[in-house]
Amino acid sequence: MLKYKKPAFWIILAAIVICIVVAVCFLTNSKTEEELSIAEADDEIEESEPPISDEADETSEAESVTSVAADENQRIVGSKFVYRYNKELGGIVITKYLGEDEAVIIPKTFGDRPIVEVGYGAFSGKDNVTSITIPDGVISIAALAFKYCENLTDITIPGSVTSIGDAAFHDCPNLKKVTISDGVMRISSYAFQGCTGLESIELPDSVIFIGHDAFDGCDKLRVTYKGQTYNASDFDDLYSLFGYMREQTADVESDAEQAARAAYTAFLSGDVSMVDDAKLKQSWVDFYLPNSELEYTFLDLDGDGVSELLVQWVDDPGSMNATFHYSDGKLFYWNFDTVEMTSWESPLQNGIMVYQYHYGGSSTWSGFRYLSNGEAEHLFSFFARYEVWFDDDTSKVPYYEVDRVEVDQETFDREFKKRITDQELERSAWTPLPQ
């Protein structure tokens, strides 16, 4: 039995308390003298290093292009552009412009590789841009590349460019001067649709294809081609000149498209022989086909000229959204899921997908496009808060954002209409799947 009144007891107890205090101090102070000296040295190194400039960033990013060649879907984010290596084209694709310059100069190279394409939607919606310099060496301007560049006034397309993609300059109302150099062969459908400020374009003899409605809505435009001038009222005659070429081109392009659609049709009928994923096979054949009213449509989502297959519920579009891609004799799914009714994906006419989420008195819309490997590349976003759900919530209501920047409701509604509402895929584009 302990004797609390004896001095020996208190001496022992004091010793124990001291040991405990020392131990606690040791354990709670994680930096030893050695660690402190290392930390101080690190601080000195950090203070001695100069700040990293944008130029240094671009250099280090450019040096990493060699490794990107092993994965053509890997993106490199620079200070002004997002880059992606394309093995087929043998160079760099600019997939997005991040800068705020009015006069944009696209670089000729990135690292030791040439810039070969202005990618799908790369400058879409960049209202601040007034002029763009495209270097010789770029061989393609992809679909929607400069769509909605409302303040773009002039552009020169070098002779190295062979193709101007679908709706590449769609709705650029202040575009007044377009120089198309000899070497350009293809001007795709809707390429300059809605460019109401255009008054004259001279097409080089190298042009061998013009898609339908390439100059639709350009009422003041006069197009000169091989010595003949065409006014807006004569554009159908201009398009008809290329009718034979359009048919030939369609025949060439349709080989891959026909193969994809044949695969999709077989899949919709229950043939899963082209599918490697066991879970997809089972759920598609055992559940979705026999138990669901589905509808489908074909739409090119990754800009490669070949359609993807989109499937959704007939009675609740978007509550089950599935996206399938055909390549090299195989069928892959990019999205195949059953989700809550509060969130879903839906396609726009231009191949952009919009992910929607509605919860807690607020709504979010995120626009993205699919890359060729099925990954999503973000393009734009909208956010709106209509009410607060909790009494102590001090969030601003109403509140609106476009691309993460607060705007007023008028701006929000205008941009939302331009980017989403006006581009929505019509219900008539969907075909019910026979039961």
Protein backbone atom coordinates (compact mmCIF):
# COMPACT_ATOMS: atom_id res chain seq x y z
CA MET A 1 0.00 0.00 0.00
CA LEU A 2 1.33 3.43 -1.01
CA LYS A 3 2.30 5.81 1.81
CA TYR A 4 1.33 9.27 0.52
CA LYS A 5 2.80 11.16 3.49
CA LYS A 6 6.39 9.85 3.16
CA PRO A 7 9.04 12.07 1.38
CA ALA A 8 10.19 9.18 -0.82
CA PHE A 9 6.75 9.00 -2.38
CA TRP A 10 6.77 12.67 -3.34
CA ILE A 11 10.27 12.43 -4.74
CA ILE A 12 9.25 9.50 -6.95
CA LEU A 13 6.06 11.26 -8.04
CA ALA A 14 7.97 14.44 -8.92
CA ALA A 15 10.42 12.43 -10.99
CA ILE A 16 7.57 10.79 -12.89
CA VAL A 17 5.93 14.16 -13.61
CA ILE A 18 9.21 15.59 -14.90
CA CYS A 19 9.71 12.59 -17.21
CA ILE A 20 6.21 13.00 -18.59
CA VAL A 21 6.69 16.71 -19.25
CA VAL A 22 10.01 16.10 -21.02
CA ALA A 23 8.44 13.35 -23.14
CA VAL A 24 5.49 15.51 -24.15
CA CYS A 25 7.75 18.39 -25.12
CA PHE A 26 9.88 16.06 -27.21
CA LEU A 27 6.96 14.49 -29.00
CA THR A 28 5.14 17.74 -29.74
CA ASN A 29 8.21 19.48 -31.10
CA SER A 30 8.70 17.59 -34.36
CA LYS A 31 11.67 19.65 -35.52
CA THR A 32 15.00 18.57 -34.16
CA GLU A 33 18.02 20.86 -34.34
CA GLU A 34 19.07 19.07 -37.50
CA GLU A 35 15.63 19.54 -39.04
CA LEU A 36 15.60 23.20 -38.06
CA SER A 37 18.92 23.79 -39.74
CA ILE A 38 17.63 22.07 -42.89
CA ALA A 39 14.47 24.21 -42.85
CA GLU A 40 16.56 27.38 -42.45
CA ALA A 41 18.76 26.31 -45.34
CA ASP A 42 15.68 25.69 -47.49
CA ASP A 43 14.42 29.18 -46.65
CA GLU A 44 17.74 30.67 -47.75
CA ILE A 45 17.65 28.73 -51.04
CA GLU A 46 14.07 29.79 -51.65
CA GLU A 47 14.94 33.44 -51.05
CA SER A 48 17.91 33.24 -53.40
CA GLU A 49 15.96 31.75 -56.31
CA PRO A 50 14.50 34.22 -58.87
CA PRO A 51 10.77 34.04 -59.62
CA ILE A 52 9.81 31.74 -62.47
CA SER A 53 8.65 33.74 -65.49
CA ASP A 54 6.08 32.80 -68.11
CA GLU A 55 8.93 32.38 -70.56
CA ALA A 56 10.58 29.85 -68.28
CA ASP A 57 7.27 28.05 -67.94
CA GLU A 58 6.88 27.81 -71.70
CA THR A 59 10.43 26.53 -72.07
CA SER A 60 10.01 23.76 -69.51
CA GLU A 61 6.66 22.84 -71.00
CA ALA A 62 8.13 22.76 -74.49
CA GLU A 63 10.93 20.48 -73.34
CA SER A 64 8.31 17.97 -72.18
CA VAL A 65 6.81 17.58 -75.67
CA THR A 66 9.11 14.63 -76.36
CA SER A 67 7.43 12.65 -73.59
CA VAL A 68 4.00 13.74 -74.82
CA ALA A 69 4.66 11.95 -78.09
CA ALA A 70 4.18 8.68 -76.23
CA ASP A 71 0.64 9.73 -75.28
CA GLU A 72 -1.03 11.92 -77.87
CA ASN A 73 -3.97 12.68 -75.60
CA GLN A 74 -1.85 14.23 -72.84
CA ARG A 75 -2.25 17.99 -72.66
CA ILE A 76 0.35 20.60 -71.74
CA VAL A 77 -1.03 23.80 -70.23
CA GLY A 78 1.09 26.82 -71.10
CA SER A 79 0.67 30.46 -70.13
CA LYS A 80 -1.43 31.28 -73.21
CA PHE A 81 -2.26 27.99 -74.92
CA VAL A 82 -3.12 24.39 -74.18
CA TYR A 83 -1.15 22.00 -76.39
CA ARG A 84 -1.59 18.38 -77.41
CA TYR A 85 0.65 16.23 -79.58
CA ASN A 86 -1.02 14.53 -82.55
CA LYS A 87 0.92 11.59 -83.94
CA GLU A 88 -1.14 11.37 -87.12
CA LEU A 89 -0.51 15.01 -88.01
CA GLY A 90 3.08 14.82 -86.78
CA GLY A 91 2.96 17.92 -84.65
CA ILE A 92 1.25 20.00 -82.00
CA VAL A 93 -2.43 20.91 -81.88
CA ILE A 94 -3.51 24.03 -80.02
CA THR A 95 -6.62 22.87 -78.17
CA LYS A 96 -7.45 26.06 -76.22
CA TYR A 97 -6.43 29.70 -75.98
CA LEU A 98 -6.03 30.91 -72.38
CA GLY A 99 -4.74 34.43 -72.94
CA GLU A 100 -6.43 37.82 -72.98
CA ASP A 101 -4.50 39.47 -75.83
CA GLU A 102 -6.44 41.32 -78.51
CA ALA A 103 -3.87 40.57 -81.21
CA VAL A 104 -2.96 36.89 -80.99
CA ILE A 105 0.12 35.41 -82.65
CA ILE A 106 0.05 31.63 -82.81
CA PRO A 107 3.60 30.28 -82.41
CA LYS A 108 5.16 28.40 -85.29
CA THR A 109 6.60 25.69 -83.06
CA PHE A 110 6.32 24.31 -79.56
CA GLY A 111 9.62 22.90 -78.40
CA ASP A 112 11.12 21.20 -81.42
CA ARG A 113 7.76 20.28 -82.95
CA PRO A 114 5.65 22.32 -85.41
CA ILE A 115 2.20 23.67 -84.65
CA VAL A 116 0.03 21.84 -87.20
CA GLU A 117 -3.56 22.54 -86.19
CA VAL A 118 -5.78 25.08 -84.51
CA GLY A 119 -7.93 22.59 -82.66
CA TYR A 120 -11.63 22.05 -82.21
CA GLY A 121 -13.17 25.10 -80.51
CA ALA A 122 -9.73 26.38 -79.49
CA PHE A 123 -10.72 30.08 -79.62
CA SER A 124 -14.48 29.65 -79.39
CA GLY A 125 -16.17 32.50 -77.54
CA LYS A 126 -13.00 34.59 -77.10
CA ASP A 127 -14.62 38.01 -77.41
CA ASN A 128 -11.42 39.91 -76.59
CA VAL A 129 -9.58 38.71 -79.71
CA THR A 130 -9.54 41.17 -82.63
CA SER A 131 -6.85 39.68 -84.89
CA ILE A 132 -5.07 36.35 -85.19
CA THR A 133 -1.85 35.49 -86.98
CA ILE A 134 -1.66 31.87 -88.11
CA PRO A 135 1.89 30.81 -89.02
CA ASP A 136 2.83 29.03 -92.20
CA GLY A 137 3.06 25.34 -91.32
CA VAL A 138 -0.39 24.98 -89.78
CA ILE A 139 -2.24 22.50 -92.00
CA SER A 140 -5.72 22.46 -90.49
CA ILE A 141 -8.25 24.75 -88.83
CA ALA A 142 -10.61 22.41 -87.01
CA ALA A 143 -14.37 22.71 -86.54
CA LEU A 144 -15.58 25.60 -84.37
CA ALA A 145 -12.01 26.84 -83.97
CA PHE A 146 -12.94 30.55 -83.94
CA LYS A 147 -16.69 30.36 -83.41
CA TYR A 148 -18.25 33.28 -81.52
CA CYS A 149 -15.10 35.43 -81.72
CA GLU A 150 -17.41 38.41 -81.88
CA ASN A 151 -14.71 41.09 -82.10
CA LEU A 152 -12.40 39.34 -84.55
CA THR A 153 -11.91 41.73 -87.48
CA ASP A 154 -9.34 40.18 -89.78
CA ILE A 155 -7.46 36.96 -90.37
CA THR A 156 -5.05 35.56 -92.94
CA ILE A 157 -5.13 31.84 -93.62
CA PRO A 158 -1.74 30.71 -94.94
CA GLY A 159 -1.31 28.39 -97.91
CA SER A 160 -0.08 25.57 -95.69
CA VAL A 161 -3.66 25.17 -94.41
CA THR A 162 -5.51 22.64 -96.54
CA SER A 163 -8.80 22.48 -94.65
CA ILE A 164 -11.10 24.94 -92.85
CA GLY A 165 -13.42 22.93 -90.60
CA ASP A 166 -17.17 23.03 -90.05
CA ALA A 167 -18.38 26.33 -88.55
CA ALA A 168 -14.76 27.37 -88.00
CA PHE A 169 -15.67 31.10 -88.08
CA HIS A 170 -19.36 30.77 -87.31
CA ASP A 171 -20.95 33.94 -85.91
CA CYS A 172 -17.98 36.31 -86.09
CA PRO A 173 -20.10 39.38 -86.95
CA ASN A 174 -17.23 41.90 -87.01
CA LEU A 175 -14.99 39.83 -89.26
CA LYS A 176 -14.42 42.13 -92.24
CA LYS A 177 -11.24 40.88 -93.88
CA VAL A 178 -10.41 37.26 -94.67
CA THR A 179 -7.39 36.41 -96.80
CA ILE A 180 -7.37 32.80 -98.01
CA SER A 181 -4.00 31.90 -99.52
CA ASP A 182 -3.35 29.56 -102.41
CA GLY A 183 -3.09 26.02 -101.04
CA VAL A 184 -6.36 25.94 -99.11
CA MET A 185 -8.43 23.12 -100.64
CA ARG A 186 -11.48 22.66 -98.45
CA ILE A 187 -13.95 25.11 -96.89
CA SER A 188 -16.39 23.05 -94.86
CA SER A 189 -20.09 23.58 -94.16
CA TYR A 190 -21.08 26.69 -92.18
CA ALA A 191 -17.43 27.79 -92.14
CA PHE A 192 -18.30 31.52 -92.29
CA GLN A 193 -21.99 31.33 -91.45
CA GLY A 194 -23.26 34.44 -89.68
CA CYS A 195 -20.20 36.56 -90.51
CA THR A 196 -22.44 39.50 -91.34
CA GLY A 197 -19.59 42.01 -91.62
CA LEU A 198 -17.85 40.22 -94.50
CA GLU A 199 -18.01 42.10 -97.79
CA SER A 200 -15.55 40.30 -100.05
CA ILE A 201 -13.51 37.11 -100.24
CA GLU A 202 -11.36 35.91 -103.08
CA LEU A 203 -10.97 32.15 -103.23
CA PRO A 204 -7.74 30.74 -104.69
CA ASP A 205 -7.85 28.20 -107.50
CA SER A 206 -6.63 25.57 -105.05
CA VAL A 207 -10.12 25.38 -103.47
CA ILE A 208 -11.83 22.19 -104.66
CA PHE A 209 -14.61 21.89 -102.09
CA ILE A 210 -17.10 24.22 -100.43
CA GLY A 211 -19.60 22.72 -98.00
CA HIS A 212 -23.25 23.70 -97.85
CA ASP A 213 -24.15 27.03 -96.24
CA ALA A 214 -20.48 27.93 -95.90
CA PHE A 215 -21.40 31.62 -96.30
CA ASP A 216 -24.98 31.49 -95.03
CA GLY A 217 -26.18 34.80 -93.58
CA CYS A 218 -23.36 36.81 -95.16
CA ASP A 219 -25.77 39.08 -97.03
CA LYS A 220 -23.20 41.73 -97.99
CA LEU A 221 -20.54 39.26 -99.13
CA ARG A 222 -19.22 38.99 -102.67
CA VAL A 223 -17.15 35.86 -103.34
CA THR A 224 -14.75 35.77 -106.29
CA TYR A 225 -13.67 32.39 -107.63
CA LYS A 226 -11.83 31.79 -110.92
CA GLY A 227 -12.81 35.19 -112.26
CA GLN A 228 -16.50 34.87 -111.43
CA THR A 229 -18.10 36.94 -108.63
CA TYR A 230 -21.04 35.61 -106.64
CA ASN A 231 -23.40 37.68 -104.49
CA ALA A 232 -25.37 36.27 -101.56
CA SER A 233 -28.28 35.49 -103.88
CA ASP A 234 -25.94 33.45 -106.10
CA PHE A 235 -24.34 31.32 -103.40
CA ASP A 236 -26.38 28.27 -104.36
CA ASP A 237 -24.78 28.51 -107.81
CA LEU A 238 -21.37 28.72 -106.12
CA TYR A 239 -22.07 25.65 -103.99
CA SER A 240 -23.34 23.75 -107.03
CA LEU A 241 -19.96 24.14 -108.70
CA PHE A 242 -18.61 21.78 -106.07
CA GLY A 243 -21.52 19.36 -106.11
CA TYR A 244 -19.58 16.64 -107.88
CA MET A 245 -16.67 17.14 -105.52
CA ARG A 246 -18.98 17.04 -102.51
CA GLU A 247 -20.35 13.66 -103.60
CA GLN A 248 -16.86 12.26 -104.14
CA THR A 249 -15.67 13.55 -100.78
CA ALA A 250 -18.75 12.15 -99.06
CA ASP A 251 -18.03 8.74 -100.58
CA VAL A 252 -14.47 8.80 -99.23
CA GLU A 253 -15.46 10.05 -95.81
CA SER A 254 -18.38 7.67 -95.49
CA ASP A 255 -16.23 4.52 -95.43
CA ALA A 256 -15.33 5.01 -91.78
CA GLU A 257 -18.75 6.45 -91.01
CA GLN A 258 -20.55 3.51 -92.61
CA ALA A 259 -18.42 1.02 -90.68
CA ALA A 260 -19.21 2.82 -87.43
CA ARG A 261 -22.94 3.01 -88.11
CA ALA A 262 -23.06 -0.65 -89.06
CA ALA A 263 -21.43 -1.50 -85.74
CA TYR A 264 -23.84 0.73 -83.84
CA THR A 265 -26.86 -0.76 -85.61
CA ALA A 266 -25.72 -4.29 -84.74
CA PHE A 267 -25.15 -3.25 -81.14
CA LEU A 268 -28.60 -1.68 -80.89
CA SER A 269 -30.03 -4.98 -82.12
CA GLY A 270 -28.28 -6.89 -79.33
CA ASP A 271 -25.03 -7.92 -81.03
CA VAL A 272 -22.29 -7.39 -78.43
CA SER A 273 -19.55 -9.32 -80.23
CA MET A 274 -17.56 -6.10 -80.74
CA VAL A 275 -17.67 -5.24 -77.02
CA ASP A 276 -14.85 -6.41 -74.73
CA ASP A 277 -16.32 -5.16 -71.46
CA ALA A 278 -18.17 -8.04 -69.76
CA LYS A 279 -20.32 -5.82 -67.51
CA LEU A 280 -21.45 -3.74 -70.46
CA LYS A 281 -22.37 -6.87 -72.41
CA GLN A 282 -24.42 -8.28 -69.58
CA SER A 283 -26.24 -5.10 -68.57
CA TRP A 284 -26.97 -4.12 -72.18
CA VAL A 285 -28.40 -7.50 -73.22
CA ASP A 286 -30.02 -8.58 -69.95
CA PHE A 287 -31.43 -5.29 -68.68
CA TYR A 288 -31.45 -2.26 -70.94
CA LEU A 289 -32.61 -3.76 -74.23
CA PRO A 290 -35.47 -5.92 -72.88
CA ASN A 291 -36.65 -3.58 -70.11
CA SER A 292 -36.20 -0.04 -71.40
CA GLU A 293 -37.71 2.34 -73.91
CA LEU A 294 -34.62 3.86 -75.47
CA GLU A 295 -33.85 6.32 -78.24
CA TYR A 296 -30.58 6.99 -80.04
CA THR A 297 -28.81 9.41 -82.31
CA PHE A 298 -25.47 9.64 -84.14
CA LEU A 299 -23.22 12.65 -83.58
CA ASP A 300 -19.51 13.34 -84.08
CA LEU A 301 -18.30 14.26 -80.60
CA ASP A 302 -14.50 14.18 -80.94
CA GLY A 303 -14.23 16.01 -84.28
CA ASP A 304 -12.68 13.11 -86.23
CA GLY A 305 -15.42 13.01 -88.86
CA VAL A 306 -16.93 9.74 -87.59
CA SER A 307 -20.07 9.67 -85.46
CA GLU A 308 -20.49 8.37 -81.94
CA LEU A 309 -23.64 6.62 -80.74
CA LEU A 310 -25.70 8.31 -78.01
CA VAL A 311 -28.52 6.50 -76.19
CA GLN A 312 -31.00 7.78 -73.60
CA TRP A 313 -34.42 7.07 -72.04
CA VAL A 314 -37.39 8.05 -74.21
CA ASP A 315 -39.53 9.31 -71.33
CA ASP A 316 -36.74 11.00 -69.37
CA PRO A 317 -33.97 12.25 -71.68
CA GLY A 318 -30.67 12.50 -69.89
CA SER A 319 -31.53 10.38 -66.86
CA MET A 320 -29.65 7.54 -68.52
CA ASN A 321 -27.12 8.80 -71.01
CA ALA A 322 -24.77 6.42 -72.79
CA THR A 323 -22.08 7.33 -75.29
CA PHE A 324 -20.34 4.74 -77.47
CA HIS A 325 -17.34 5.04 -79.77
CA TYR A 326 -16.33 2.68 -82.59
CA SER A 327 -12.69 2.18 -83.56
CA ASP A 328 -10.70 -0.59 -85.25
CA GLY A 329 -13.53 -3.11 -85.14
CA LYS A 330 -14.27 -2.57 -81.44
CA LEU A 331 -17.02 -0.78 -79.57
CA PHE A 332 -16.08 1.24 -76.48
CA TYR A 333 -18.23 3.20 -74.06
CA TRP A 334 -17.23 6.70 -73.06
CA ASN A 335 -20.17 7.07 -70.74
CA PHE A 336 -22.56 4.37 -69.61
CA ASP A 337 -24.34 4.94 -66.36
CA THR A 338 -27.62 5.36 -64.56
CA VAL A 339 -27.62 8.59 -62.62
CA GLU A 340 -29.95 10.58 -60.40
CA MET A 341 -32.54 12.73 -62.08
CA THR A 342 -30.77 15.79 -60.70
CA SER A 343 -27.74 15.40 -62.97
CA TRP A 344 -27.15 14.32 -66.55
CA GLU A 345 -25.33 14.94 -69.84
CA SER A 346 -26.92 16.13 -73.06
CA PRO A 347 -25.47 16.80 -76.53
CA LEU A 348 -25.52 20.03 -78.51
CA GLN A 349 -25.73 20.23 -82.30
CA ASN A 350 -22.03 21.11 -82.55
CA GLY A 351 -20.91 17.94 -80.75
CA ILE A 352 -20.27 19.63 -77.41
CA MET A 353 -21.70 17.86 -74.38
CA VAL A 354 -23.27 19.70 -71.45
CA TYR A 355 -23.22 18.19 -67.98
CA GLN A 356 -26.00 19.55 -65.78
CA TYR A 357 -26.36 19.40 -62.02
CA HIS A 358 -29.22 20.88 -60.02
CA TYR A 359 -29.18 20.85 -56.22
CA GLY A 360 -29.85 23.06 -53.22
CA GLY A 361 -31.41 25.96 -55.08
CA SER A 362 -28.52 26.22 -57.54
CA SER A 363 -27.68 24.85 -60.98
CA THR A 364 -24.43 24.15 -62.78
CA TRP A 365 -23.86 23.56 -66.49
CA SER A 366 -20.42 22.44 -67.73
CA GLY A 367 -19.66 22.26 -71.44
CA PHE A 368 -17.03 19.80 -72.59
CA ARG A 369 -15.96 17.84 -75.62
CA TYR A 370 -14.68 14.33 -75.90
CA LEU A 371 -11.13 13.62 -77.03
CA SER A 372 -10.38 10.58 -79.17
CA ASN A 373 -9.57 8.49 -76.09
CA GLY A 374 -12.89 9.29 -74.42
CA GLU A 375 -11.52 11.77 -71.92
CA ALA A 376 -13.37 15.05 -71.45
CA GLU A 377 -11.89 18.47 -72.16
CA HIS A 378 -13.61 21.34 -70.35
CA LEU A 379 -14.82 24.22 -72.55
CA PHE A 380 -17.12 26.47 -70.52
CA SER A 381 -19.29 26.66 -67.41
CA PHE A 382 -22.42 28.37 -66.11
CA PHE A 383 -23.58 28.64 -62.51
CA ALA A 384 -26.78 30.12 -61.09
CA ARG A 385 -28.02 30.32 -57.49
CA TYR A 386 -31.73 31.02 -57.21
CA GLU A 387 -32.38 30.47 -53.50
CA VAL A 388 -30.72 29.40 -50.25
CA TRP A 389 -31.71 26.19 -48.52
CA PHE A 390 -30.67 27.05 -44.97
CA ASP A 391 -31.71 29.97 -42.79
CA ASP A 392 -28.13 30.78 -41.83
CA ASP A 393 -26.84 30.65 -45.42
CA THR A 394 -25.54 34.13 -46.31
CA SER A 395 -24.79 33.34 -49.95
CA LYS A 396 -25.73 35.99 -52.48
CA VAL A 397 -29.10 35.39 -54.19
CA PRO A 398 -29.66 35.63 -57.06
CA TYR A 399 -26.10 34.99 -58.21
CA TYR A 400 -24.76 34.17 -61.68
CA GLU A 401 -21.40 33.08 -63.12
CA VAL A 402 -20.13 32.50 -66.65
CA ASP A 403 -16.80 30.70 -66.87
CA ARG A 404 -16.35 31.26 -63.10
CA VAL A 405 -16.72 35.03 -63.39
CA GLU A 406 -19.67 36.76 -61.71
CA VAL A 407 -22.03 38.42 -64.20
CA ASP A 408 -25.46 40.03 -64.13
CA GLN A 409 -28.55 38.09 -65.15
CA GLU A 410 -28.75 39.78 -68.56
CA THR A 411 -25.23 38.67 -69.47
CA PHE A 412 -25.88 35.21 -68.09
CA ASP A 413 -29.07 34.78 -70.12
CA ARG A 414 -27.44 36.10 -73.30
CA GLU A 415 -24.41 33.81 -73.05
CA PHE A 416 -26.51 30.83 -72.02
CA LYS A 417 -28.75 31.27 -75.04
CA LYS A 418 -25.80 31.65 -77.39
CA ARG A 419 -23.78 28.70 -76.12
CA ILE A 420 -26.46 26.24 -75.01
CA THR A 421 -30.10 27.03 -75.83
CA ASP A 422 -29.52 27.90 -79.49
CA GLN A 423 -27.35 24.80 -79.91
CA GLU A 424 -29.62 22.21 -78.30
CA LEU A 425 -30.20 19.05 -80.26
CA GLU A 426 -33.80 18.85 -81.48
CA ARG A 427 -35.97 16.01 -80.21
CA SER A 428 -36.52 15.03 -83.84
CA ALA A 429 -32.84 14.08 -84.04
CA TRP A 430 -33.51 11.09 -81.76
CA THR A 431 -34.85 7.78 -83.08
CA PRO A 432 -36.87 5.44 -80.82
CA LEU A 433 -35.33 1.99 -80.55
CA PRO A 434 -37.86 -0.68 -81.58
CA GLN A 435 -38.93 -2.94 -78.71
